[in-house]
C-alpha atoms as a PDB file:
ATOM      1  CA  MET A   1      -8.732  23.943   1.377  1.00  0.00           C
ATOM      2  CA  THR A   2      -5.358  22.683   2.651  1.00  0.00           C
ATOM      3  CA  VAL A   3      -4.618  19.085   2.833  1.00  0.00           C
ATOM      4  CA  LEU A   4      -1.743  17.373   5.035  1.00  0.00           C
ATOM      5  CA  VAL A   5      -0.368  13.975   3.522  1.00  0.00           C
ATOM      6  CA  LEU A   6       1.433  11.875   5.837  1.00  0.00           C
ATOM      7  CA  ALA A   7       4.597  10.571   3.981  1.00  0.00           C
ATOM      8  CA  ASP A   8       5.305   6.645   4.109  1.00  0.00           C
ATOM      9  CA  HIS A   9       9.202   6.210   4.305  1.00  0.00           C
ATOM     10  CA  ASP A  10      11.798   4.390   6.002  1.00  0.00           C
ATOM     11  CA  ASN A  11      14.032   7.482   6.982  1.00  0.00           C
ATOM     12  CA  ALA A  12      16.068   6.802   3.783  1.00  0.00           C
ATOM     13  CA  ALA A  13      13.549   6.880   0.820  1.00  0.00           C
ATOM     14  CA  LEU A  14      10.094   8.032   0.122  1.00  0.00           C
ATOM     15  CA  GLY A  15       7.484   5.273   0.003  1.00  0.00           C
ATOM     16  CA  ALA A  16       6.209   4.883  -3.462  1.00  0.00           C
ATOM     17  CA  ALA A  17       2.512   4.917  -2.241  1.00  0.00           C
ATOM     18  CA  THR A  18       2.916   8.643  -1.005  1.00  0.00           C
ATOM     19  CA  LEU A  19       2.976   9.804  -4.715  1.00  0.00           C
ATOM     20  CA  ASN A  20      -0.556   8.240  -5.254  1.00  0.00           C
ATOM     21  CA  THR A  21      -1.586   9.782  -1.926  1.00  0.00           C
ATOM     22  CA  VAL A  22      -0.157  13.159  -3.123  1.00  0.00           C
ATOM     23  CA  THR A  23      -2.441  12.663  -6.555  1.00  0.00           C
ATOM     24  CA  ALA A  24      -5.559  12.056  -4.391  1.00  0.00           C
ATOM     25  CA  ALA A  25      -4.942  15.238  -2.371  1.00  0.00           C
ATOM     26  CA  SER A  26      -4.565  17.274  -5.250  1.00  0.00           C
ATOM     27  CA  GLU A  27      -7.698  16.213  -6.464  1.00  0.00           C
ATOM     28  CA  MET A  28      -9.392  17.611  -3.509  1.00  0.00           C
ATOM     29  CA  GLY A  29      -8.209  20.986  -4.622  1.00  0.00           C
ATOM     30  CA  GLY A  30      -6.223  23.362  -2.761  1.00  0.00           C
ATOM     31  CA  ASP A  31      -2.576  23.373  -1.203  1.00  0.00           C
ATOM     32  CA  VAL A  32      -0.892  19.898  -0.521  1.00  0.00           C
ATOM     33  CA  HIS A  33       1.674  19.784   2.173  1.00  0.00           C
ATOM     34  CA  VAL A  34       3.502  16.593   3.127  1.00  0.00           C
ATOM     35  CA  LEU A  35       4.580  15.728   6.478  1.00  0.00           C
ATOM     36  CA  VAL A  36       7.815  13.737   6.821  1.00  0.00           C
ATOM     37  CA  ALA A  37       8.151  12.733  10.404  1.00  0.00           C
ATOM     38  CA  GLY A  38      11.274  10.607  11.499  1.00  0.00           C
ATOM     39  CA  SER A  39      14.982  10.708  12.559  1.00  0.00           C
ATOM     40  CA  GLY A  40      17.597  11.576  10.324  1.00  0.00           C
ATOM     41  CA  CYS A  41      15.107  11.719   7.219  1.00  0.00           C
ATOM     42  CA  ALA A  42      16.234  14.879   5.750  1.00  0.00           C
ATOM     43  CA  ALA A  43      16.815  12.902   2.250  1.00  0.00           C
ATOM     44  CA  VAL A  44      13.029  12.093   2.266  1.00  0.00           C
ATOM     45  CA  ALA A  45      12.005  15.622   2.796  1.00  0.00           C
ATOM     46  CA  ASP A  46      14.096  16.536  -0.078  1.00  0.00           C
ATOM     47  CA  ALA A  47      12.572  13.894  -2.311  1.00  0.00           C
ATOM     48  CA  ALA A  48       8.977  14.909  -1.098  1.00  0.00           C
ATOM     49  CA  ALA A  49       9.822  18.952  -2.035  1.00  0.00           C
ATOM     50  CA  LYS A  50      10.345  17.405  -5.659  1.00  0.00           C
ATOM     51  CA  VAL A  51       7.101  15.864  -5.996  1.00  0.00           C
ATOM     52  CA  ALA A  52       4.797  17.800  -8.500  1.00  0.00           C
ATOM     53  CA  GLY A  53       1.885  19.192  -7.019  1.00  0.00           C
ATOM     54  CA  VAL A  54       3.388  19.674  -3.344  1.00  0.00           C
ATOM     55  CA  ALA A  55       3.383  23.139  -2.112  1.00  0.00           C
ATOM     56  CA  LYS A  56       5.307  22.670   1.269  1.00  0.00           C
ATOM     57  CA  VAL A  57       7.016  19.931   3.165  1.00  0.00           C
ATOM     58  CA  ILE A  58       7.212  19.926   7.104  1.00  0.00           C
ATOM     59  CA  LEU A  59      10.056  17.872   8.327  1.00  0.00           C
ATOM     60  CA  VAL A  60      10.049  16.719  11.776  1.00  0.00           C
ATOM     61  CA  ASP A  61      13.224  14.996  12.729  1.00  0.00           C
ATOM     62  CA  ASP A  62      13.167  13.546  16.103  1.00  0.00           C
ATOM     63  CA  ALA A  63      14.025  10.416  18.000  1.00  0.00           C
ATOM     64  CA  ALA A  64      10.811   9.943  18.896  1.00  0.00           C
ATOM     65  CA  TYR A  65       9.686   9.118  15.436  1.00  0.00           C
ATOM     66  CA  THR A  66      12.679   6.895  14.587  1.00  0.00           C
ATOM     67  CA  ASN A  67      10.413   3.841  14.229  1.00  0.00           C
ATOM     68  CA  ALA A  68       7.020   5.544  13.328  1.00  0.00           C
ATOM     69  CA  LEU A  69       5.138   4.346  16.408  1.00  0.00           C
ATOM     70  CA  ALA A  70       1.774   5.117  15.918  1.00  0.00           C
ATOM     71  CA  GLU A  71       1.117   6.803  19.338  1.00  0.00           C
ATOM     72  CA  ASN A  72       3.772   9.056  18.905  1.00  0.00           C
ATOM     73  CA  VAL A  73       3.104  10.106  15.073  1.00  0.00           C
ATOM     74  CA  SER A  74      -0.823  10.599  16.114  1.00  0.00           C
ATOM     75  CA  THR A  75      -0.092  13.039  18.762  1.00  0.00           C
ATOM     76  CA  LEU A  76       2.182  14.981  16.172  1.00  0.00           C
ATOM     77  CA  VAL A  77      -0.259  14.839  13.510  1.00  0.00           C
ATOM     78  CA  VAL A  78      -3.551  15.763  15.997  1.00  0.00           C
ATOM     79  CA  GLY A  79      -1.181  18.858  17.235  1.00  0.00           C
ATOM     80  CA  MET A  80      -0.961  20.193  13.451  1.00  0.00           C
ATOM     81  CA  ALA A  81      -4.282  19.291  12.565  1.00  0.00           C
ATOM     82  CA  ASP A  82      -5.775  23.034  13.164  1.00  0.00           C
ATOM     83  CA  GLY A  83      -4.075  24.083   9.949  1.00  0.00           C
ATOM     84  CA  TYR A  84      -5.861  21.590   7.770  1.00  0.00           C
ATOM     85  CA  ASP A  85      -9.006  20.442   6.372  1.00  0.00           C
ATOM     86  CA  ALA A  86      -8.209  17.062   5.435  1.00  0.00           C
ATOM     87  CA  ILE A  87      -5.162  14.593   6.720  1.00  0.00           C
ATOM     88  CA  LEU A  88      -4.270  11.764   4.222  1.00  0.00           C
ATOM     89  CA  ALA A  89      -2.140   8.886   4.353  1.00  0.00           C
ATOM     90  CA  PRO A  90      -1.513   5.868   2.197  1.00  0.00           C
ATOM     91  CA  ALA A  91      -3.309   2.885   3.194  1.00  0.00           C
ATOM     92  CA  THR A  92       0.000   1.022   4.069  1.00  0.00           C
ATOM     93  CA  THR A  93       0.717  -0.873   7.247  1.00  0.00           C
ATOM     94  CA  SER A  94       1.778   2.319   8.776  1.00  0.00           C
ATOM     95  CA  GLY A  95      -0.830   4.195   7.396  1.00  0.00           C
ATOM     96  CA  LYS A  96      -3.535   2.165   8.534  1.00  0.00           C
ATOM     97  CA  ASN A  97      -1.803   1.924  12.108  1.00  0.00           C
ATOM     98  CA  ILE A  98      -1.491   5.797  12.646  1.00  0.00           C
ATOM     99  CA  LEU A  99      -4.631   7.486  11.229  1.00  0.00           C
ATOM    100  CA  PRO A 100      -7.435   5.614  12.953  1.00  0.00           C
ATOM    101  CA  ARG A 101      -5.623   7.015  16.014  1.00  0.00           C
ATOM    102  CA  VAL A 102      -5.564  10.392  14.556  1.00  0.00           C
ATOM    103  CA  ALA A 103      -9.444   9.930  13.784  1.00  0.00           C
ATOM    104  CA  ALA A 104     -10.123   9.151  17.312  1.00  0.00           C
ATOM    105  CA  LEU A 105      -8.403  11.873  18.958  1.00  0.00           C
ATOM    106  CA  LEU A 106      -9.829  14.387  16.706  1.00  0.00           C
ATOM    107  CA  ASP A 107     -13.497  12.689  17.352  1.00  0.00           C
ATOM    108  CA  VAL A 108     -14.195  12.155  13.449  1.00  0.00           C
ATOM    109  CA  ALA A 109     -15.199   9.235  11.230  1.00  0.00           C
ATOM    110  CA  GLN A 110     -12.244   7.945   9.204  1.00  0.00           C
ATOM    111  CA  ILE A 111     -12.756   7.360   5.494  1.00  0.00           C
ATOM    112  CA  SER A 112     -10.805   3.999   4.530  1.00  0.00           C
ATOM    113  CA  GLU A 113      -9.079   3.281   1.123  1.00  0.00           C
ATOM    114  CA  ILE A 114     -10.544   5.564  -0.818  1.00  0.00           C
ATOM    115  CA  THR A 115     -10.133   4.729  -4.815  1.00  0.00           C
ATOM    116  CA  LYS A 116     -11.653   7.832  -6.129  1.00  0.00           C
ATOM    117  CA  VAL A 117     -12.358  11.652  -5.111  1.00  0.00           C
ATOM    118  CA  VAL A 118     -15.604  12.754  -6.224  1.00  0.00           C
ATOM    119  CA  SER A 119     -15.282  16.064  -4.491  1.00  0.00           C
ATOM    120  CA  ASN A 120     -13.547  17.552  -1.389  1.00  0.00           C
ATOM    121  CA  ASP A 121     -16.306  15.794   0.881  1.00  0.00           C
ATOM    122  CA  THR A 122     -17.217  12.659  -1.197  1.00  0.00           C
ATOM    123  CA  PHE A 123     -15.330   9.644  -2.142  1.00  0.00           C
ATOM    124  CA  VAL A 124     -15.305   6.240  -3.425  1.00  0.00           C
ATOM    125  CA  ARG A 125     -14.217   3.320  -1.293  1.00  0.00           C
ATOM    126  CA  PRO A 126     -14.575  -0.547  -1.820  1.00  0.00           C
ATOM    127  CA  ILE A 127     -16.998  -2.512   0.636  1.00  0.00           C
ATOM    128  CA  TYR A 128     -17.812  -6.422   0.701  1.00  0.00           C
ATOM    129  CA  ALA A 129     -14.400  -7.350  -0.202  1.00  0.00           C
ATOM    130  CA  GLY A 130     -14.361  -5.244  -3.206  1.00  0.00           C
ATOM    131  CA  ASN A 131     -17.349  -6.601  -4.761  1.00  0.00           C
ATOM    132  CA  ALA A 132     -19.221  -3.220  -4.304  1.00  0.00           C
ATOM    133  CA  MET A 133     -18.221   0.268  -4.347  1.00  0.00           C
ATOM    134  CA  ALA A 134     -19.668   2.686  -1.950  1.00  0.00           C
ATOM    135  CA  THR A 135     -19.830   6.618  -2.259  1.00  0.00           C
ATOM    136  CA  VAL A 136     -19.684   8.190   0.907  1.00  0.00           C
ATOM    137  CA  GLN A 137     -20.175  11.736   2.045  1.00  0.00           C
ATOM    138  CA  SER A 138     -18.440  13.254   5.349  1.00  0.00           C
ATOM    139  CA  LYS A 139     -19.892  16.116   7.281  1.00  0.00           C
ATOM    140  CA  ASP A 140     -17.123  16.283   9.386  1.00  0.00           C
ATOM    141  CA  ALA A 141     -15.027  19.369   9.412  1.00  0.00           C
ATOM    142  CA  LYS A 142     -11.789  17.547   9.288  1.00  0.00           C
ATOM    143  CA  LYS A 143     -11.417  14.877   6.897  1.00  0.00           C
ATOM    144  CA  VAL A 144      -9.176  11.716   8.105  1.00  0.00           C
ATOM    145  CA  ILE A 145      -8.766   9.324   4.823  1.00  0.00           C
ATOM    146  CA  THR A 146      -6.376   6.345   3.876  1.00  0.00           C
ATOM    147  CA  VAL A 147      -5.998   6.190   0.361  1.00  0.00           C
ATOM    148  CA  ARG A 148      -5.720   2.864  -1.773  1.00  0.00           C
ATOM    149  CA  ALA A 149      -2.602   3.421  -3.798  1.00  0.00           C
ATOM    150  CA  THR A 150      -3.923   1.515  -6.775  1.00  0.00           C
ATOM    151  CA  GLY A 151      -6.740   3.766  -7.044  1.00  0.00           C
ATOM    152  CA  PHE A 152      -4.543   6.739  -8.280  1.00  0.00           C
ATOM    153  CA  ASP A 153      -1.903   7.512 -10.569  1.00  0.00           C
ATOM    154  CA  ALA A 154       1.427   8.339  -8.927  1.00  0.00           C
ATOM    155  CA  ALA A 155       2.309  12.014  -8.887  1.00  0.00           C
ATOM    156  CA  ALA A 156       5.619  12.733 -10.744  1.00  0.00           C
ATOM    157  CA  ALA A 157       8.630  12.223  -8.368  1.00  0.00           C
ATOM    158  CA  GLU A 158      10.413  15.194 -10.209  1.00  0.00           C
ATOM    159  CA  GLY A 159       9.471  18.602 -11.065  1.00  0.00           C
ATOM    160  CA  GLY A 160       8.186  20.246  -7.875  1.00  0.00           C
ATOM    161  CA  SER A 161       9.976  22.763  -5.896  1.00  0.00           C
ATOM    162  CA  ALA A 162       8.244  22.706  -2.568  1.00  0.00           C
ATOM    163  CA  VAL A 163       9.800  24.771   0.385  1.00  0.00           C
ATOM    164  CA  ILE A 164      10.861  22.578   3.400  1.00  0.00           C
ATOM    165  CA  GLU A 165       9.811  24.048   6.764  1.00  0.00           C
ATOM    166  CA  ASN A 166      11.283  22.341   9.960  1.00  0.00           C
ATOM    167  CA  GLY A 167       8.287  21.322  12.349  1.00  0.00           C
ATOM    168  CA  ALA A 168       8.357  20.983  16.010  1.00  0.00           C
ATOM    169  CA  ALA A 169       8.414  17.646  17.644  1.00  0.00           C
ATOM    170  CA  ALA A 170       5.458  16.806  20.134  1.00  0.00           C
ATOM    171  CA  GLY A 171       8.050  14.344  21.849  1.00  0.00           C
ATOM    172  CA  ASP A 172       7.453  10.923  22.964  1.00  0.00           C
ATOM    173  CA  ALA A 173       3.708   9.843  24.147  1.00  0.00           C
ATOM    174  CA  GLY A 174       5.178   7.373  26.432  1.00  0.00           C
ATOM    175  CA  LEU A 175       2.516   4.930  25.493  1.00  0.00           C
ATOM    176  CA  SER A 176       4.599   2.393  23.664  1.00  0.00           C
ATOM    177  CA  SER A 177       8.196   1.294  23.019  1.00  0.00           C
ATOM    178  CA  PHE A 178      10.066  -0.058  19.892  1.00  0.00           C
ATOM    179  CA  ILE A 179      11.375  -3.597  20.770  1.00  0.00           C
ATOM    180  CA  GLY A 180      12.628  -5.268  17.411  1.00  0.00           C
ATOM    181  CA  GLU A 181      11.545  -5.982  13.949  1.00  0.00           C
ATOM    182  CA  GLU A 182      12.050  -8.993  11.559  1.00  0.00           C
ATOM    183  CA  LEU A 183      12.043  -7.842   7.920  1.00  0.00           C
ATOM    184  CA  SER A 184      12.315  -9.928   4.844  1.00  0.00           C
ATOM    185  CA  LYS A 185      15.205  -9.004   2.587  1.00  0.00           C
ATOM    186  CA  SER A 186      14.746  -9.632  -1.067  1.00  0.00           C
ATOM    187  CA  GLU A 187      16.709  -8.657  -4.382  1.00  0.00           C
ATOM    188  CA  ARG A 188      13.211  -8.698  -6.369  1.00  0.00           C
ATOM    189  CA  PRO A 189      10.788  -5.637  -6.471  1.00  0.00           C
ATOM    190  CA  GLU A 190       8.512  -4.704  -3.664  1.00  0.00           C
ATOM    191  CA  LEU A 191       5.163  -6.346  -3.871  1.00  0.00           C
ATOM    192  CA  THR A 192       3.106  -3.249  -4.056  1.00  0.00           C
ATOM    193  CA  SER A 193       4.895  -1.486  -6.713  1.00  0.00           C
ATOM    194  CA  ALA A 194       6.087  -4.115  -8.875  1.00  0.00           C
ATOM    195  CA  ARG A 195       5.059  -4.239 -12.628  1.00  0.00           C
ATOM    196  CA  ILE A 196       4.715  -8.200 -12.394  1.00  0.00           C
ATOM    197  CA  VAL A 197       3.607 -10.099  -9.686  1.00  0.00           C
ATOM    198  CA  ILE A 198       3.409 -14.060  -9.447  1.00  0.00           C
ATOM    199  CA  SER A 199       1.845 -15.703  -6.570  1.00  0.00           C
ATOM    200  CA  GLY A 200       1.427 -19.133  -5.430  1.00  0.00           C
ATOM    201  CA  GLY A 201      -1.358 -20.649  -3.254  1.00  0.00           C
ATOM    202  CA  ARG A 202      -2.422 -23.757  -1.426  1.00  0.00           C
ATOM    203  CA  GLY A 203      -1.631 -25.842  -4.703  1.00  0.00           C
ATOM    204  CA  MET A 204       1.995 -25.109  -3.925  1.00  0.00           C
ATOM    205  CA  GLN A 205       1.913 -27.994  -1.404  1.00  0.00           C
ATOM    206  CA  SER A 206       4.964 -26.687   0.364  1.00  0.00           C
ATOM    207  CA  GLY A 207       7.249 -23.945   0.967  1.00  0.00           C
ATOM    208  CA  ASP A 208       9.766 -25.979  -0.480  1.00  0.00           C
ATOM    209  CA  ASN A 209       8.174 -25.554  -3.864  1.00  0.00           C
ATOM    210  CA  PHE A 210       8.025 -21.793  -3.594  1.00  0.00           C
ATOM    211  CA  PRO A 211      11.588 -21.923  -5.824  1.00  0.00           C
ATOM    212  CA  LEU A 212       9.488 -22.778  -8.867  1.00  0.00           C
ATOM    213  CA  LEU A 213       7.793 -19.538  -8.628  1.00  0.00           C
ATOM    214  CA  GLU A 214      11.194 -17.554  -7.632  1.00  0.00           C
ATOM    215  CA  LYS A 215      13.113 -19.177 -10.764  1.00  0.00           C
ATOM    216  CA  VAL A 216      10.049 -17.545 -13.059  1.00  0.00           C
ATOM    217  CA  ALA A 217       9.855 -14.493 -11.230  1.00  0.00           C
ATOM    218  CA  ASP A 218      13.653 -14.005 -11.540  1.00  0.00           C
ATOM    219  CA  LYS A 219      13.185 -14.563 -15.233  1.00  0.00           C
ATOM    220  CA  LEU A 220      10.475 -11.984 -15.502  1.00  0.00           C
ATOM    221  CA  GLY A 221      11.683  -9.472 -12.908  1.00  0.00           C
ATOM    222  CA  ALA A 222       8.794 -10.014 -10.997  1.00  0.00           C
ATOM    223  CA  ALA A 223       7.829  -9.876  -7.080  1.00  0.00           C
ATOM    224  CA  VAL A 224       6.431 -13.227  -5.096  1.00  0.00           C
ATOM    225  CA  GLY A 225       3.144 -13.072  -3.642  1.00  0.00           C
ATOM    226  CA  ALA A 226       1.096 -15.614  -2.054  1.00  0.00           C
ATOM    227  CA  SER A 227      -2.525 -16.510  -0.874  1.00  0.00           C
ATOM    228  CA  ARG A 228      -3.651 -16.292   2.535  1.00  0.00           C
ATOM    229  CA  ALA A 229      -4.092 -20.218   2.535  1.00  0.00           C
ATOM    230  CA  ALA A 230      -0.343 -20.488   1.696  1.00  0.00           C
ATOM    231  CA  VAL A 231       0.902 -18.089   4.290  1.00  0.00           C
ATOM    232  CA  ASP A 232      -1.381 -19.505   7.013  1.00  0.00           C
ATOM    233  CA  ALA A 233       0.153 -23.109   6.061  1.00  0.00           C
ATOM    234  CA  GLY A 234       3.519 -21.678   6.676  1.00  0.00           C
ATOM    235  CA  PHE A 235       4.860 -21.880   3.078  1.00  0.00           C
ATOM    236  CA  VAL A 236       6.040 -18.326   3.119  1.00  0.00           C
ATOM    237  CA  PRO A 237       6.187 -15.302   5.562  1.00  0.00           C
ATOM    238  CA  ASN A 238       3.149 -13.134   5.920  1.00  0.00           C
ATOM    239  CA  ASP A 239       4.697 -10.188   4.081  1.00  0.00           C
ATOM    240  CA  TYR A 240       3.907 -12.130   0.724  1.00  0.00           C
ATOM    241  CA  GLN A 241       0.228 -12.196   1.271  1.00  0.00           C
ATOM    242  CA  VAL A 242      -1.989 -10.847  -1.078  1.00  0.00           C
ATOM    243  CA  GLY A 243      -5.532 -10.140  -0.584  1.00  0.00           C
ATOM    244  CA  GLN A 244      -8.060  -8.255   1.679  1.00  0.00           C
ATOM    245  CA  THR A 245      -6.173  -8.990   4.875  1.00  0.00           C
ATOM    246  CA  GLY A 246      -2.697  -8.534   3.138  1.00  0.00           C
ATOM    247  CA  LYS A 247      -1.500  -6.365   0.472  1.00  0.00           C
ATOM    248  CA  VAL A 248      -3.408  -4.887  -2.344  1.00  0.00           C
ATOM    249  CA  VAL A 249      -1.702  -4.918  -5.679  1.00  0.00           C
ATOM    250  CA  ALA A 250      -2.464  -3.787  -9.169  1.00  0.00           C
ATOM    251  CA  PRO A 251       0.444  -4.951 -11.623  1.00  0.00           C
ATOM    252  CA  GLU A 252       0.574  -4.877 -15.220  1.00  0.00           C
ATOM    253  CA  LEU A 253       0.556  -8.727 -15.151  1.00  0.00           C
ATOM    254  CA  TYR A 254      -0.543 -10.796 -12.418  1.00  0.00           C
ATOM    255  CA  ILE A 255       0.261 -14.510 -12.417  1.00  0.00           C
ATOM    256  CA  ALA A 256      -1.935 -16.733  -9.997  1.00  0.00           C
ATOM    257  CA  VAL A 257      -0.261 -20.149  -9.716  1.00  0.00           C
ATOM    258  CA  GLY A 258      -2.401 -23.051  -7.648  1.00  0.00           C
ATOM    259  CA  ILE A 259      -4.561 -20.283  -6.173  1.00  0.00           C
ATOM    260  CA  SER A 260      -8.554 -21.312  -6.105  1.00  0.00           C
ATOM    261  CA  GLY A 261      -9.752 -17.488  -6.019  1.00  0.00           C
ATOM    262  CA  ALA A 262     -11.470 -16.912  -3.130  1.00  0.00           C
ATOM    263  CA  ILE A 263     -13.047 -13.571  -2.542  1.00  0.00           C
ATOM    264  CA  GLN A 264     -10.699 -12.231   0.035  1.00  0.00           C
ATOM    265  CA  HIS A 265      -7.694 -12.990  -2.350  1.00  0.00           C
ATOM    266  CA  LEU A 266      -9.446 -11.426  -5.368  1.00  0.00           C
ATOM    267  CA  ALA A 267      -9.877  -8.520  -3.345  1.00  0.00           C
ATOM    268  CA  GLY A 268      -6.160  -7.696  -3.465  1.00  0.00           C
ATOM    269  CA  MET A 269      -5.431  -8.465  -6.830  1.00  0.00           C
ATOM    270  CA  LYS A 270      -8.533  -8.084  -9.269  1.00  0.00           C
ATOM    271  CA  ASP A 271      -7.577  -4.514 -10.499  1.00  0.00           C
ATOM    272  CA  SER A 272      -4.377  -6.121 -12.193  1.00  0.00           C
ATOM    273  CA  LYS A 273      -4.220  -4.888 -16.031  1.00  0.00           C
ATOM    274  CA  VAL A 274      -3.567  -8.503 -17.150  1.00  0.00           C
ATOM    275  CA  ILE A 275      -4.259 -11.846 -14.878  1.00  0.00           C
ATOM    276  CA  VAL A 276      -3.199 -15.397 -15.821  1.00  0.00           C
ATOM    277  CA  ALA A 277      -4.222 -18.345 -13.638  1.00  0.00           C
ATOM    278  CA  ILE A 278      -2.507 -21.877 -13.439  1.00  0.00           C
ATOM    279  CA  ASN A 279      -4.680 -24.286 -11.880  1.00  0.00           C
ATOM    280  CA  LYS A 280      -5.425 -27.709 -12.517  1.00  0.00           C
ATOM    281  CA  ASP A 281      -8.933 -27.564 -11.142  1.00  0.00           C
ATOM    282  CA  GLU A 282     -11.017 -26.053 -14.454  1.00  0.00           C
ATOM    283  CA  GLU A 283     -13.900 -25.208 -12.000  1.00  0.00           C
ATOM    284  CA  ALA A 284     -11.509 -22.898  -9.761  1.00  0.00           C
ATOM    285  CA  PRO A 285     -12.996 -19.377  -9.399  1.00  0.00           C
ATOM    286  CA  ILE A 286      -9.681 -17.854 -10.207  1.00  0.00           C
ATOM    287  CA  PHE A 287     -10.875 -18.579 -13.960  1.00  0.00           C
ATOM    288  CA  GLN A 288     -13.786 -16.244 -13.677  1.00  0.00           C
ATOM    289  CA  VAL A 289     -11.307 -13.195 -13.378  1.00  0.00           C
ATOM    290  CA  ALA A 290      -8.459 -14.486 -15.260  1.00  0.00           C
ATOM    291  CA  ASP A 291      -7.622 -12.891 -18.879  1.00  0.00           C
ATOM    292  CA  TYR A 292      -5.536 -16.008 -19.705  1.00  0.00           C
ATOM    293  CA  GLY A 293      -6.223 -19.508 -18.037  1.00  0.00           C
ATOM    294  CA  LEU A 294      -4.071 -22.658 -18.032  1.00  0.00           C
ATOM    295  CA  VAL A 295      -5.629 -25.665 -16.932  1.00  0.00           C
ATOM    296  CA  ALA A 296      -2.807 -27.722 -16.084  1.00  0.00           C
ATOM    297  CA  ASP A 297      -0.485 -29.426 -13.118  1.00  0.00           C
ATOM    298  CA  LEU A 298       1.602 -26.315 -11.964  1.00  0.00           C
ATOM    299  CA  PHE A 299       4.498 -28.776 -11.474  1.00  0.00           C
ATOM    300  CA  LYS A 300       4.849 -29.361 -15.085  1.00  0.00           C
ATOM    301  CA  ALA A 301       3.727 -25.878 -16.072  1.00  0.00           C
ATOM    302  CA  LEU A 302       6.328 -23.792 -14.424  1.00  0.00           C
ATOM    303  CA  PRO A 303       9.416 -25.552 -15.374  1.00  0.00           C
ATOM    304  CA  GLU A 304       8.074 -25.387 -18.713  1.00  0.00           C
ATOM    305  CA  LEU A 305       7.342 -21.818 -18.513  1.00  0.00           C
ATOM    306  CA  GLU A 306      10.725 -21.120 -17.039  1.00  0.00           C
ATOM    307  CA  GLU A 307      12.396 -22.965 -19.753  1.00  0.00           C
ATOM    308  CA  ALA A 308      10.359 -20.960 -22.331  1.00  0.00           C
ATOM    309  CA  LEU A 309      11.403 -17.639 -20.820  1.00  0.00           C
END
């Protein structure tokens, strides 16, 4: 069996979730190849070649893949599909954009956000916002799968010695064009890979109060997240959102501040190793999953926490 992993990257660095996806691919057995499609991304291919468990890296360096437009990348992947039994990608924004198109073009069913490999045709994935786990078996000749990074350990970033092979570009599909992007920049760790995450909810009352969280985050070296309610209210940008419709995180420590604990939020953070909740409502559902709970006014508790740190 040969598995193709679509690398997640920004043309400069290999995305951390790719390492978890390589682990999932390795558990399926056989050789693991990594596709690096981008522009000016030779450094990414070099990094992918060093990942333990990778047998070959295919580098497709072409202007058509500069911004990883799903229409262009999916055409490339489908053109390579004959040589592979399975195609995997991290369940990141990019992976969830590209792989459904690949599955449709190949006329197979996609298996989304797997958290466990049972065998090379059977997988475990969450359903009902993570409240149940389904074991699914695919009879498709080719498996198209997105991988929830929090379900697998990251492969070692060093120790591999894969060969790098240049692949042929499929060109611009002509179905879409890149207009622009607006990205939040922060000195803090990236939300999905941070060891510590502190998130705020509707209880923060305003975006002007999020600096209270940020001061604690800076002391802890933590990433800052938010519930959907806080994002919908305009307190913070949507790339802060943790939950079923946001980012799925599993840090060593998750601190939920002013978050009630709606099911969709819990789906994005309940795999955290230690969960701490601060909420003035002692009946808040968040306390049912928290390892430590503090019933307190967050506007008093956060300054006290900062001072103690």
